[in-house]
Amino acid sequence: MIIGIGVDVVHVRRLERWLSVPGLPERFFHPDELESAKSRGHAAALSLAARFAAKEAFGKALGTGLRGIKLGDIQVLNNHNGRPGIVLYGSALERFRNVGGQSIHLSLTHERDNAIAMVVMEA
């Protein structure tokens, strides 16, 4: 049963600015997300924009937003085929369980200026 749907869009320029501020990306991303993005070279901001959109969409799907959740506790990754997914830790996992969540479906897309994410939560 679907218990939540969330969608978010992030402008890539926002993440380009964040990458120029020492320590700022570490506040919002899991260390593995940052490492993966940096390996993408000039596409790092695009990758992080999609991941940040996924975190925001996750909060919307929860129905409670992200207040009280450490954003580093939400890790967006891709499997060996490139399919995106979300792994939750700590505060994010606790909130997900509290709303009865059992599975998360994630779709990401990006093109030049924007990144979009959609999250569907099931119980």
PDB file of N, CA and C in Angstrom:
ATOM      1  N   MET A   1       0.828  -1.161   0.000  1.00  0.00           N
ATOM      2  CA  MET A   1       0.000   0.000   0.000  1.00  0.00           C
ATOM      3  C   MET A   1       0.893   1.253   0.000  1.00  0.00           C
ATOM      4  N   ILE A   2       0.588   2.214  -0.861  1.00  0.00           N
ATOM      5  CA  ILE A   2       1.347   3.465  -0.919  1.00  0.00           C
ATOM      6  C   ILE A   2       0.961   4.341   0.271  1.00  0.00           C
ATOM      7  N   ILE A   3       1.976   4.794   1.008  1.00  0.00           N
ATOM      8  CA  ILE A   3       1.718   5.661   2.157  1.00  0.00           C
ATOM      9  C   ILE A   3       2.238   7.078   1.942  1.00  0.00           C
ATOM     10  N   GLY A   4       2.969   7.296   0.856  1.00  0.00           N
ATOM     11  CA  GLY A   4       3.477   8.641   0.602  1.00  0.00           C
ATOM     12  C   GLY A   4       4.119   8.770  -0.753  1.00  0.00           C
ATOM     13  N   ILE A   5       3.982   9.956  -1.339  1.00  0.00           N
ATOM     14  CA  ILE A   5       4.625  10.291  -2.613  1.00  0.00           C
ATOM     15  C   ILE A   5       5.242  11.663  -2.449  1.00  0.00           C
ATOM     16  N   GLY A   6       6.455  11.829  -2.926  1.00  0.00           N
ATOM     17  CA  GLY A   6       7.119  13.127  -2.864  1.00  0.00           C
ATOM     18  C   GLY A   6       7.861  13.413  -4.149  1.00  0.00           C
ATOM     19  N   VAL A   7       7.853  14.661  -4.578  1.00  0.00           N
ATOM     20  CA  VAL A   7       8.556  15.102  -5.783  1.00  0.00           C
ATOM     21  C   VAL A   7       9.309  16.382  -5.437  1.00  0.00           C
ATOM     22  N   ASP A   8      10.509  16.541  -5.986  1.00  0.00           N
ATOM     23  CA  ASP A   8      11.258  17.773  -5.768  1.00  0.00           C
ATOM     24  C   ASP A   8      12.135  18.071  -6.970  1.00  0.00           C
ATOM     25  N   VAL A   9      12.388  19.352  -7.186  1.00  0.00           N
ATOM     26  CA  VAL A   9      13.284  19.812  -8.252  1.00  0.00           C
ATOM     27  C   VAL A   9      14.345  20.705  -7.620  1.00  0.00           C
ATOM     28  N   VAL A  10      15.593  20.564  -8.076  1.00  0.00           N
ATOM     29  CA  VAL A  10      16.708  21.357  -7.565  1.00  0.00           C
ATOM     30  C   VAL A  10      17.458  21.946  -8.752  1.00  0.00           C
ATOM     31  N   HIS A  11      17.760  23.233  -8.658  1.00  0.00           N
ATOM     32  CA  HIS A  11      18.569  23.883  -9.691  1.00  0.00           C
ATOM     33  C   HIS A  11      20.033  23.513  -9.472  1.00  0.00           C
ATOM     34  N   VAL A  12      20.691  23.073 -10.515  1.00  0.00           N
ATOM     35  CA  VAL A  12      22.077  22.611 -10.433  1.00  0.00           C
ATOM     36  C   VAL A  12      22.999  23.736  -9.955  1.00  0.00           C
ATOM     37  N   ARG A  13      22.739  24.964 -10.348  1.00  0.00           N
ATOM     38  CA  ARG A  13      23.592  26.093  -9.929  1.00  0.00           C
ATOM     39  C   ARG A  13      23.669  26.209  -8.406  1.00  0.00           C
ATOM     40  N   ARG A  14      22.597  25.835  -7.738  1.00  0.00           N
ATOM     41  CA  ARG A  14      22.586  25.858  -6.269  1.00  0.00           C
ATOM     42  C   ARG A  14      23.687  24.956  -5.723  1.00  0.00           C
ATOM     43  N   LEU A  15      23.809  23.770  -6.302  1.00  0.00           N
ATOM     44  CA  LEU A  15      24.830  22.826  -5.835  1.00  0.00           C
ATOM     45  C   LEU A  15      26.219  23.250  -6.274  1.00  0.00           C
ATOM     46  N   GLU A  16      26.332  23.895  -7.399  1.00  0.00           N
ATOM     47  CA  GLU A  16      27.636  24.425  -7.821  1.00  0.00           C
ATOM     48  C   GLU A  16      28.147  25.423  -6.788  1.00  0.00           C
ATOM     49  N   ARG A  17      27.254  26.267  -6.285  1.00  0.00           N
ATOM     50  CA  ARG A  17      27.642  27.230  -5.241  1.00  0.00           C
ATOM     51  C   ARG A  17      28.033  26.497  -3.956  1.00  0.00           C
ATOM     52  N   TRP A  18      27.247  25.490  -3.573  1.00  0.00           N
ATOM     53  CA  TRP A  18      27.552  24.743  -2.352  1.00  0.00           C
ATOM     54  C   TRP A  18      28.936  24.109  -2.423  1.00  0.00           C
ATOM     55  N   LEU A  19      29.294  23.597  -3.593  1.00  0.00           N
ATOM     56  CA  LEU A  19      30.591  22.928  -3.741  1.00  0.00           C
ATOM     57  C   LEU A  19      31.763  23.886  -3.560  1.00  0.00           C
ATOM     58  N   SER A  20      31.513  25.182  -3.695  1.00  0.00           N
ATOM     59  CA  SER A  20      32.589  26.165  -3.535  1.00  0.00           C
ATOM     60  C   SER A  20      32.755  26.621  -2.086  1.00  0.00           C
ATOM     61  N   VAL A  21      31.874  26.155  -1.192  1.00  0.00           N
ATOM     62  CA  VAL A  21      31.943  26.537   0.225  1.00  0.00           C
ATOM     63  C   VAL A  21      32.507  25.366   1.030  1.00  0.00           C
ATOM     64  N   PRO A  22      33.721  25.505   1.562  1.00  0.00           N
ATOM     65  CA  PRO A  22      34.328  24.405   2.321  1.00  0.00           C
ATOM     66  C   PRO A  22      33.430  23.930   3.465  1.00  0.00           C
ATOM     67  N   GLY A  23      33.229  22.625   3.536  1.00  0.00           N
ATOM     68  CA  GLY A  23      32.458  22.011   4.611  1.00  0.00           C
ATOM     69  C   GLY A  23      30.961  21.966   4.406  1.00  0.00           C
ATOM     70  N   LEU A  24      30.436  22.759   3.477  1.00  0.00           N
ATOM     71  CA  LEU A  24      28.981  22.796   3.283  1.00  0.00           C
ATOM     72  C   LEU A  24      28.427  21.484   2.718  1.00  0.00           C
ATOM     73  N   PRO A  25      29.026  20.917   1.672  1.00  0.00           N
ATOM     74  CA  PRO A  25      28.459  19.655   1.143  1.00  0.00           C
ATOM     75  C   PRO A  25      28.413  18.540   2.191  1.00  0.00           C
ATOM     76  N   GLU A  26      29.370  18.533   3.097  1.00  0.00           N
ATOM     77  CA  GLU A  26      29.413  17.495   4.130  1.00  0.00           C
ATOM     78  C   GLU A  26      28.225  17.586   5.083  1.00  0.00           C
ATOM     79  N   ARG A  27      27.578  18.743   5.160  1.00  0.00           N
ATOM     80  CA  ARG A  27      26.394  18.892   6.020  1.00  0.00           C
ATOM     81  C   ARG A  27      25.169  18.211   5.425  1.00  0.00           C
ATOM     82  N   PHE A  28      25.160  18.033   4.112  1.00  0.00           N
ATOM     83  CA  PHE A  28      23.960  17.563   3.425  1.00  0.00           C
ATOM     84  C   PHE A  28      24.063  16.175   2.801  1.00  0.00           C
ATOM     85  N   PHE A  29      25.285  15.654   2.696  1.00  0.00           N
ATOM     86  CA  PHE A  29      25.459  14.398   1.958  1.00  0.00           C
ATOM     87  C   PHE A  29      26.244  13.369   2.751  1.00  0.00           C
ATOM     88  N   HIS A  30      25.903  12.120   2.521  1.00  0.00           N
ATOM     89  CA  HIS A  30      26.636  10.981   3.064  1.00  0.00           C
ATOM     90  C   HIS A  30      28.032  10.992   2.421  1.00  0.00           C
ATOM     91  N   PRO A  31      29.081  10.616   3.145  1.00  0.00           N
ATOM     92  CA  PRO A  31      30.429  10.625   2.569  1.00  0.00           C
ATOM     93  C   PRO A  31      30.545   9.844   1.256  1.00  0.00           C
ATOM     94  N   ASP A  32      29.835   8.726   1.134  1.00  0.00           N
ATOM     95  CA  ASP A  32      29.900   7.940  -0.109  1.00  0.00           C
ATOM     96  C   ASP A  32      29.266   8.686  -1.277  1.00  0.00           C
ATOM     97  N   GLU A  33      28.239   9.502  -0.999  1.00  0.00           N
ATOM     98  CA  GLU A  33      27.621  10.301  -2.062  1.00  0.00           C
ATOM     99  C   GLU A  33      28.628  11.331  -2.587  1.00  0.00           C
ATOM    100  N   LEU A  34      29.354  11.964  -1.682  1.00  0.00           N
ATOM    101  CA  LEU A  34      30.336  12.962  -2.080  1.00  0.00           C
ATOM    102  C   LEU A  34      31.468  12.335  -2.877  1.00  0.00           C
ATOM    103  N   GLU A  35      31.931  11.181  -2.428  1.00  0.00           N
ATOM    104  CA  GLU A  35      33.007  10.486  -3.142  1.00  0.00           C
ATOM    105  C   GLU A  35      32.561  10.106  -4.549  1.00  0.00           C
ATOM    106  N   SER A  36      31.359   9.570  -4.677  1.00  0.00           N
ATOM    107  CA  SER A  36      30.831   9.181  -5.982  1.00  0.00           C
ATOM    108  C   SER A  36      30.684  10.395  -6.896  1.00  0.00           C
ATOM    109  N   ALA A  37      30.164  11.494  -6.344  1.00  0.00           N
ATOM    110  CA  ALA A  37      29.960  12.703  -7.153  1.00  0.00           C
ATOM    111  C   ALA A  37      31.291  13.265  -7.637  1.00  0.00           C
ATOM    112  N   LYS A  38      32.285  13.290  -6.760  1.00  0.00           N
ATOM    113  CA  LYS A  38      33.585  13.837  -7.147  1.00  0.00           C
ATOM    114  C   LYS A  38      34.222  13.016  -8.261  1.00  0.00           C
ATOM    115  N   SER A  39      33.928  11.719  -8.298  1.00  0.00           N
ATOM    116  CA  SER A  39      34.492  10.870  -9.359  1.00  0.00           C
ATOM    117  C   SER A  39      33.862  11.183 -10.715  1.00  0.00           C
ATOM    118  N   ARG A  40      32.774  11.941 -10.732  1.00  0.00           N
ATOM    119  CA  ARG A  40      32.090  12.299 -11.974  1.00  0.00           C
ATOM    120  C   ARG A  40      32.630  13.583 -12.594  1.00  0.00           C
ATOM    121  N   GLY A  41      33.636  14.180 -11.956  1.00  0.00           N
ATOM    122  CA  GLY A  41      34.274  15.372 -12.508  1.00  0.00           C
ATOM    123  C   GLY A  41      33.318  16.538 -12.652  1.00  0.00           C
ATOM    124  N   HIS A  42      33.207  17.060 -13.866  1.00  0.00           N
ATOM    125  CA  HIS A  42      32.379  18.250 -14.110  1.00  0.00           C
ATOM    126  C   HIS A  42      30.880  17.998 -13.871  1.00  0.00           C
ATOM    127  N   ALA A  43      30.473  16.739 -13.791  1.00  0.00           N
ATOM    128  CA  ALA A  43      29.062  16.413 -13.555  1.00  0.00           C
ATOM    129  C   ALA A  43      28.756  16.237 -12.065  1.00  0.00           C
ATOM    130  N   ALA A  44      29.699  16.592 -11.188  1.00  0.00           N
ATOM    131  CA  ALA A  44      29.499  16.405  -9.745  1.00  0.00           C
ATOM    132  C   ALA A  44      28.283  17.167  -9.240  1.00  0.00           C
ATOM    133  N   ALA A  45      28.135  18.416  -9.643  1.00  0.00           N
ATOM    134  CA  ALA A  45      27.007  19.226  -9.163  1.00  0.00           C
ATOM    135  C   ALA A  45      25.679  18.642  -9.643  1.00  0.00           C
ATOM    136  N   LEU A  46      25.651  18.133 -10.864  1.00  0.00           N
ATOM    137  CA  LEU A  46      24.438  17.527 -11.406  1.00  0.00           C
ATOM    138  C   LEU A  46      24.046  16.295 -10.582  1.00  0.00           C
ATOM    139  N   SER A  47      25.033  15.466 -10.269  1.00  0.00           N
ATOM    140  CA  SER A  47      24.795  14.270  -9.467  1.00  0.00           C
ATOM    141  C   SER A  47      24.290  14.631  -8.074  1.00  0.00           C
ATOM    142  N   LEU A  48      24.913  15.604  -7.441  1.00  0.00           N
ATOM    143  CA  LEU A  48      24.497  15.997  -6.097  1.00  0.00           C
ATOM    144  C   LEU A  48      23.137  16.684  -6.096  1.00  0.00           C
ATOM    145  N   ALA A  49      22.835  17.427  -7.154  1.00  0.00           N
ATOM    146  CA  ALA A  49      21.518  18.060  -7.249  1.00  0.00           C
ATOM    147  C   ALA A  49      20.420  16.999  -7.271  1.00  0.00           C
ATOM    148  N   ALA A  50      20.641  15.931  -8.031  1.00  0.00           N
ATOM    149  CA  ALA A  50      19.657  14.846  -8.089  1.00  0.00           C
ATOM    150  C   ALA A  50      19.517  14.183  -6.723  1.00  0.00           C
ATOM    151  N   ARG A  51      20.627  13.996  -6.039  1.00  0.00           N
ATOM    152  CA  ARG A  51      20.588  13.361  -4.731  1.00  0.00           C
ATOM    153  C   ARG A  51      19.907  14.259  -3.690  1.00  0.00           C
ATOM    154  N   PHE A  52      20.166  15.552  -3.756  1.00  0.00           N
ATOM    155  CA  PHE A  52      19.503  16.458  -2.828  1.00  0.00           C
ATOM    156  C   PHE A  52      17.997  16.493  -3.103  1.00  0.00           C
ATOM    157  N   ALA A  53      17.615  16.484  -4.373  1.00  0.00           N
ATOM    158  CA  ALA A  53      16.188  16.439  -4.725  1.00  0.00           C
ATOM    159  C   ALA A  53      15.550  15.171  -4.157  1.00  0.00           C
ATOM    160  N   ALA A  54      16.277  14.050  -4.187  1.00  0.00           N
ATOM    161  CA  ALA A  54      15.749  12.796  -3.637  1.00  0.00           C
ATOM    162  C   ALA A  54      15.514  12.907  -2.134  1.00  0.00           C
ATOM    163  N   LYS A  55      16.424  13.568  -1.428  1.00  0.00           N
ATOM    164  CA  LYS A  55      16.264  13.739   0.016  1.00  0.00           C
ATOM    165  C   LYS A  55      15.028  14.594   0.318  1.00  0.00           C
ATOM    166  N   GLU A  56      14.862  15.672  -0.441  1.00  0.00           N
ATOM    167  CA  GLU A  56      13.689  16.535  -0.256  1.00  0.00           C
ATOM    168  C   GLU A  56      12.397  15.779  -0.593  1.00  0.00           C
ATOM    169  N   ALA A  57      12.420  14.995  -1.671  1.00  0.00           N
ATOM    170  CA  ALA A  57      11.245  14.208  -2.054  1.00  0.00           C
ATOM    171  C   ALA A  57      10.929  13.162  -0.984  1.00  0.00           C
ATOM    172  N   PHE A  58      11.961  12.603  -0.371  1.00  0.00           N
ATOM    173  CA  PHE A  58      11.775  11.653   0.723  1.00  0.00           C
ATOM    174  C   PHE A  58      11.019  12.317   1.873  1.00  0.00           C
ATOM    175  N   GLY A  59      11.445  13.520   2.258  1.00  0.00           N
ATOM    176  CA  GLY A  59      10.766  14.250   3.329  1.00  0.00           C
ATOM    177  C   GLY A  59       9.312  14.529   3.002  1.00  0.00           C
ATOM    178  N   LYS A  60       9.025  14.854   1.757  1.00  0.00           N
ATOM    179  CA  LYS A  60       7.647  15.105   1.341  1.00  0.00           C
ATOM    180  C   LYS A  60       6.822  13.822   1.377  1.00  0.00           C
ATOM    181  N   ALA A  61       7.440  12.713   0.968  1.00  0.00           N
ATOM    182  CA  ALA A  61       6.727  11.436   1.003  1.00  0.00           C
ATOM    183  C   ALA A  61       6.429  11.014   2.439  1.00  0.00           C
ATOM    184  N   LEU A  62       7.314  11.364   3.367  1.00  0.00           N
ATOM    185  CA  LEU A  62       7.056  11.073   4.777  1.00  0.00           C
ATOM    186  C   LEU A  62       5.822  11.797   5.276  1.00  0.00           C
ATOM    187  N   GLY A  63       5.560  12.960   4.703  1.00  0.00           N
ATOM    188  CA  GLY A  63       4.454  13.775   5.163  1.00  0.00           C
ATOM    189  C   GLY A  63       4.812  14.647   6.346  1.00  0.00           C
ATOM    190  N   THR A  64       6.067  14.567   6.775  1.00  0.00           N
ATOM    191  CA  THR A  64       6.518  15.340   7.935  1.00  0.00           C
ATOM    192  C   THR A  64       7.656  16.280   7.598  1.00  0.00           C
ATOM    193  N   GLY A  65       8.173  16.191   6.388  1.00  0.00           N
ATOM    194  CA  GLY A  65       9.350  16.973   6.036  1.00  0.00           C
ATOM    195  C   GLY A  65      10.598  16.364   6.633  1.00  0.00           C
ATOM    196  N   LEU A  66      11.684  17.109   6.556  1.00  0.00           N
ATOM    197  CA  LEU A  66      12.983  16.598   7.003  1.00  0.00           C
ATOM    198  C   LEU A  66      13.414  17.139   8.368  1.00  0.00           C
ATOM    199  N   ARG A  67      12.557  17.897   9.019  1.00  0.00           N
ATOM    200  CA  ARG A  67      12.895  18.439  10.335  1.00  0.00           C
ATOM    201  C   ARG A  67      13.264  17.303  11.279  1.00  0.00           C
ATOM    202  N   GLY A  68      14.417  17.448  11.917  1.00  0.00           N
ATOM    203  CA  GLY A  68      14.866  16.433  12.862  1.00  0.00           C
ATOM    204  C   GLY A  68      15.601  15.264  12.233  1.00  0.00           C
ATOM    205  N   ILE A  69      15.770  15.299  10.915  1.00  0.00           N
ATOM    206  CA  ILE A  69      16.494  14.229  10.219  1.00  0.00           C
ATOM    207  C   ILE A  69      17.837  14.778   9.746  1.00  0.00           C
ATOM    208  N   LYS A  70      18.887  14.076  10.060  1.00  0.00           N
ATOM    209  CA  LYS A  70      20.219  14.439   9.571  1.00  0.00           C
ATOM    210  C   LYS A  70      20.283  14.003   8.098  1.00  0.00           C
ATOM    211  N   LEU A  71      20.537  14.937   7.194  1.00  0.00           N
ATOM    212  CA  LEU A  71      20.520  14.613   5.769  1.00  0.00           C
ATOM    213  C   LEU A  71      21.575  13.587   5.386  1.00  0.00           C
ATOM    214  N   GLY A  72      22.668  13.518   6.137  1.00  0.00           N
ATOM    215  CA  GLY A  72      23.667  12.484   5.896  1.00  0.00           C
ATOM    216  C   GLY A  72      23.166  11.089   6.216  1.00  0.00           C
ATOM    217  N   ASP A  73      22.020  10.997   6.919  1.00  0.00           N
ATOM    218  CA  ASP A  73      21.409   9.701   7.230  1.00  0.00           C
ATOM    219  C   ASP A  73      20.556   9.176   6.070  1.00  0.00           C
ATOM    220  N   ILE A  74      20.502   9.948   4.988  1.00  0.00           N
ATOM    221  CA  ILE A  74      19.801   9.525   3.771  1.00  0.00           C
ATOM    222  C   ILE A  74      20.862   9.411   2.676  1.00  0.00           C
ATOM    223  N   GLN A  75      21.124   8.199   2.250  1.00  0.00           N
ATOM    224  CA  GLN A  75      22.136   7.981   1.206  1.00  0.00           C
ATOM    225  C   GLN A  75      21.451   7.563  -0.084  1.00  0.00           C
ATOM    226  N   VAL A  76      21.712   8.320  -1.137  1.00  0.00           N
ATOM    227  CA  VAL A  76      21.182   7.991  -2.462  1.00  0.00           C
ATOM    228  C   VAL A  76      22.321   7.358  -3.245  1.00  0.00           C
ATOM    229  N   LEU A  77      22.054   6.173  -3.774  1.00  0.00           N
ATOM    230  CA  LEU A  77      23.086   5.466  -4.531  1.00  0.00           C
ATOM    231  C   LEU A  77      22.471   4.803  -5.755  1.00  0.00           C
ATOM    232  N   ASN A  78      23.343   4.300  -6.608  1.00  0.00           N
ATOM    233  CA  ASN A  78      22.898   3.579  -7.798  1.00  0.00           C
ATOM    234  C   ASN A  78      23.432   2.163  -7.734  1.00  0.00           C
ATOM    235  N   ASN A  79      22.597   1.196  -8.156  1.00  0.00           N
ATOM    236  CA  ASN A  79      23.074  -0.190  -8.184  1.00  0.00           C
ATOM    237  C   ASN A  79      23.953  -0.403  -9.415  1.00  0.00           C
ATOM    238  N   HIS A  80      24.387  -1.624  -9.637  1.00  0.00           N
ATOM    239  CA  HIS A  80      25.309  -1.936 -10.736  1.00  0.00           C
ATOM    240  C   HIS A  80      24.714  -1.645 -12.109  1.00  0.00           C
ATOM    241  N   ASN A  81      23.394  -1.564 -12.209  1.00  0.00           N
ATOM    242  CA  ASN A  81      22.732  -1.232 -13.480  1.00  0.00           C
ATOM    243  C   ASN A  81      22.400   0.255 -13.596  1.00  0.00           C
ATOM    244  N   GLY A  82      22.718   1.026 -12.549  1.00  0.00           N
ATOM    245  CA  GLY A  82      22.432   2.447 -12.555  1.00  0.00           C
ATOM    246  C   GLY A  82      21.117   2.832 -11.901  1.00  0.00           C
ATOM    247  N   ARG A  83      20.343   1.843 -11.459  1.00  0.00           N
ATOM    248  CA  ARG A  83      19.052   2.130 -10.820  1.00  0.00           C
ATOM    249  C   ARG A  83      19.279   2.827  -9.485  1.00  0.00           C
ATOM    250  N   PRO A  84      18.620   3.986  -9.271  1.00  0.00           N
ATOM    251  CA  PRO A  84      18.814   4.697  -8.008  1.00  0.00           C
ATOM    252  C   PRO A  84      18.023   4.067  -6.869  1.00  0.00           C
ATOM    253  N   GLY A  85      18.556   4.235  -5.692  1.00  0.00           N
ATOM    254  CA  GLY A  85      17.884   3.755  -4.483  1.00  0.00           C
ATOM    255  C   GLY A  85      18.262   4.604  -3.296  1.00  0.00           C
ATOM    256  N   ILE A  86      17.578   4.405  -2.206  1.00  0.00           N
ATOM    257  CA  ILE A  86      17.831   5.149  -0.973  1.00  0.00           C
ATOM    258  C   ILE A  86      18.141   4.150   0.134  1.00  0.00           C
ATOM    259  N   VAL A  87      19.214   4.429   0.868  1.00  0.00           N
ATOM    260  CA  VAL A  87      19.566   3.668   2.057  1.00  0.00           C
ATOM    261  C   VAL A  87      19.444   4.628   3.230  1.00  0.00           C
ATOM    262  N   LEU A  88      18.736   4.203   4.272  1.00  0.00           N
ATOM    263  CA  LEU A  88      18.484   5.063   5.426  1.00  0.00           C
ATOM    264  C   LEU A  88      19.280   4.601   6.645  1.00  0.00           C
ATOM    265  N   TYR A  89      19.698   5.581   7.434  1.00  0.00           N
ATOM    266  CA  TYR A  89      20.426   5.327   8.672  1.00  0.00           C
ATOM    267  C   TYR A  89      19.810   6.195   9.768  1.00  0.00           C
ATOM    268  N   GLY A  90      20.113   5.877  10.998  1.00  0.00           N
ATOM    269  CA  GLY A  90      19.811   6.721  12.141  1.00  0.00           C
ATOM    270  C   GLY A  90      18.452   7.392  12.133  1.00  0.00           C
ATOM    271  N   SER A  91      18.471   8.735  12.151  1.00  0.00           N
ATOM    272  CA  SER A  91      17.245   9.524  12.283  1.00  0.00           C
ATOM    273  C   SER A  91      16.281   9.313  11.116  1.00  0.00           C
ATOM    274  N   ALA A  92      16.793   9.133   9.922  1.00  0.00           N
ATOM    275  CA  ALA A  92      15.930   8.920   8.749  1.00  0.00           C
ATOM    276  C   ALA A  92      15.258   7.556   8.806  1.00  0.00           C
ATOM    277  N   LEU A  93      16.014   6.549   9.194  1.00  0.00           N
ATOM    278  CA  LEU A  93      15.458   5.201   9.305  1.00  0.00           C
ATOM    279  C   LEU A  93      14.387   5.143  10.394  1.00  0.00           C
ATOM    280  N   GLU A  94      14.643   5.805  11.507  1.00  0.00           N
ATOM    281  CA  GLU A  94      13.670   5.822  12.601  1.00  0.00           C
ATOM    282  C   GLU A  94      12.357   6.481  12.156  1.00  0.00           C
ATOM    283  N   ARG A  95      12.454   7.619  11.468  1.00  0.00           N
ATOM    284  CA  ARG A  95      11.242   8.317  11.017  1.00  0.00           C
ATOM    285  C   ARG A  95      10.483   7.465  10.009  1.00  0.00           C
ATOM    286  N   PHE A  96      11.219   6.833   9.078  1.00  0.00           N
ATOM    287  CA  PHE A  96      10.604   5.968   8.072  1.00  0.00           C
ATOM    288  C   PHE A  96       9.835   4.827   8.733  1.00  0.00           C
ATOM    289  N   ARG A  97      10.434   4.210   9.720  1.00  0.00           N
ATOM    290  CA  ARG A  97       9.767   3.120  10.434  1.00  0.00           C
ATOM    291  C   ARG A  97       8.560   3.619  11.222  1.00  0.00           C
ATOM    292  N   ASN A  98       8.666   4.824  11.790  1.00  0.00           N
ATOM    293  CA  ASN A  98       7.556   5.387  12.574  1.00  0.00           C
ATOM    294  C   ASN A  98       6.311   5.645  11.739  1.00  0.00           C
ATOM    295  N   VAL A  99       6.476   5.925  10.443  1.00  0.00           N
ATOM    296  CA  VAL A  99       5.302   6.138   9.583  1.00  0.00           C
ATOM    297  C   VAL A  99       4.829   4.833   8.951  1.00  0.00           C
ATOM    298  N   GLY A 100       5.476   3.718   9.309  1.00  0.00           N
ATOM    299  CA  GLY A 100       5.066   2.418   8.800  1.00  0.00           C
ATOM    300  C   GLY A 100       5.700   2.040   7.480  1.00  0.00           C
ATOM    301  N   GLY A 101       6.746   2.753   7.096  1.00  0.00           N
ATOM    302  CA  GLY A 101       7.407   2.483   5.822  1.00  0.00           C
ATOM    303  C   GLY A 101       8.125   1.147   5.773  1.00  0.00           C
ATOM    304  N   GLN A 102       8.013   0.487   4.617  1.00  0.00           N
ATOM    305  CA  GLN A 102       8.705  -0.784   4.414  1.00  0.00           C
ATOM    306  C   GLN A 102       9.576  -0.774   3.165  1.00  0.00           C
ATOM    307  N   SER A 103       9.186   0.000   2.143  1.00  0.00           N
ATOM    308  CA  SER A 103      10.012   0.070   0.935  1.00  0.00           C
ATOM    309  C   SER A 103       9.905   1.456   0.306  1.00  0.00           C
ATOM    310  N   ILE A 104      10.952   1.798  -0.422  1.00  0.00           N
ATOM    311  CA  ILE A 104      11.036   3.103  -1.077  1.00  0.00           C
ATOM    312  C   ILE A 104      11.379   2.882  -2.545  1.00  0.00           C
ATOM    313  N   HIS A 105      10.652   3.560  -3.404  1.00  0.00           N
ATOM    314  CA  HIS A 105      10.939   3.557  -4.839  1.00  0.00           C
ATOM    315  C   HIS A 105      11.402   4.964  -5.197  1.00  0.00           C
ATOM    316  N   LEU A 106      12.473   5.060  -5.992  1.00  0.00           N
ATOM    317  CA  LEU A 106      13.060   6.352  -6.331  1.00  0.00           C
ATOM    318  C   LEU A 106      13.301   6.445  -7.828  1.00  0.00           C
ATOM    319  N   SER A 107      12.944   7.580  -8.386  1.00  0.00           N
ATOM    320  CA  SER A 107      13.260   7.888  -9.775  1.00  0.00           C
ATOM    321  C   SER A 107      13.946   9.242  -9.813  1.00  0.00           C
ATOM    322  N   LEU A 108      15.058   9.332 -10.563  1.00  0.00           N
ATOM    323  CA  LEU A 108      15.823  10.568 -10.710  1.00  0.00           C
ATOM    324  C   LEU A 108      15.938  10.926 -12.181  1.00  0.00           C
ATOM    325  N   THR A 109      15.959  12.214 -12.462  1.00  0.00           N
ATOM    326  CA  THR A 109      16.260  12.677 -13.810  1.00  0.00           C
ATOM    327  C   THR A 109      16.940  14.031 -13.688  1.00  0.00           C
ATOM    328  N   HIS A 110      17.796  14.328 -14.640  1.00  0.00           N
ATOM    329  CA  HIS A 110      18.459  15.628 -14.636  1.00  0.00           C
ATOM    330  C   HIS A 110      18.881  15.988 -16.048  1.00  0.00           C
ATOM    331  N   GLU A 111      18.919  17.300 -16.260  1.00  0.00           N
ATOM    332  CA  GLU A 111      19.338  17.818 -17.553  1.00  0.00           C
ATOM    333  C   GLU A 111      19.844  19.239 -17.354  1.00  0.00           C
ATOM    334  N   ARG A 112      21.067  19.464 -17.633  1.00  0.00           N
ATOM    335  CA  ARG A 112      21.726  20.772 -17.560  1.00  0.00           C
ATOM    336  C   ARG A 112      21.439  21.554 -16.289  1.00  0.00           C
ATOM    337  N   ASP A 113      20.283  22.226 -16.234  1.00  0.00           N
ATOM    338  CA  ASP A 113      20.003  23.178 -15.168  1.00  0.00           C
ATOM    339  C   ASP A 113      19.223  22.623 -13.987  1.00  0.00           C
ATOM    340  N   ASN A 114      18.530  21.508 -14.156  1.00  0.00           N
ATOM    341  CA  ASN A 114      17.629  21.001 -13.120  1.00  0.00           C
ATOM    342  C   ASN A 114      17.787  19.511 -12.896  1.00  0.00           C
ATOM    343  N   ALA A 115      17.507  19.121 -11.663  1.00  0.00           N
ATOM    344  CA  ALA A 115      17.449  17.710 -11.290  1.00  0.00           C
ATOM    345  C   ALA A 115      16.112  17.488 -10.595  1.00  0.00           C
ATOM    346  N   ILE A 116      15.473  16.384 -10.894  1.00  0.00           N
ATOM    347  CA  ILE A 116      14.158  16.072 -10.337  1.00  0.00           C
ATOM    348  C   ILE A 116      14.190  14.663  -9.731  1.00  0.00           C
ATOM    349  N   ALA A 117      13.514  14.529  -8.602  1.00  0.00           N
ATOM    350  CA  ALA A 117      13.403  13.218  -7.951  1.00  0.00           C
ATOM    351  C   ALA A 117      11.956  12.966  -7.573  1.00  0.00           C
ATOM    352  N   MET A 118      11.566  11.696  -7.655  1.00  0.00           N
ATOM    353  CA  MET A 118      10.252  11.268  -7.183  1.00  0.00           C
ATOM    354  C   MET A 118      10.443  10.065  -6.270  1.00  0.00           C
ATOM    355  N   VAL A 119       9.786  10.113  -5.128  1.00  0.00           N
ATOM    356  CA  VAL A 119       9.852   9.029  -4.152  1.00  0.00           C
ATOM    357  C   VAL A 119       8.431   8.514  -3.903  1.00  0.00           C
ATOM    358  N   VAL A 120       8.305   7.190  -3.910  1.00  0.00           N
ATOM    359  CA  VAL A 120       7.058   6.535  -3.532  1.00  0.00           C
ATOM    360  C   VAL A 120       7.390   5.615  -2.364  1.00  0.00           C
ATOM    361  N   MET A 121       6.643   5.771  -1.264  1.00  0.00           N
ATOM    362  CA  MET A 121       6.827   4.931  -0.075  1.00  0.00           C
ATOM    363  C   MET A 121       5.683   3.948   0.057  1.00  0.00           C
ATOM    364  N   GLU A 122       6.054   2.733   0.406  1.00  0.00           N
ATOM    365  CA  GLU A 122       5.044   1.692   0.642  1.00  0.00           C
ATOM    366  C   GLU A 122       5.140   1.145   2.049  1.00  0.00           C
ATOM    367  N   ALA A 123       4.003   0.717   2.560  1.00  0.00           N
ATOM    368  CA  ALA A 123       3.935   0.045   3.856  1.00  0.00           C
ATOM    369  C   ALA A 123       3.694  -1.428   3.604  1.00  0.00           C
TER     370      ALA A 123
END
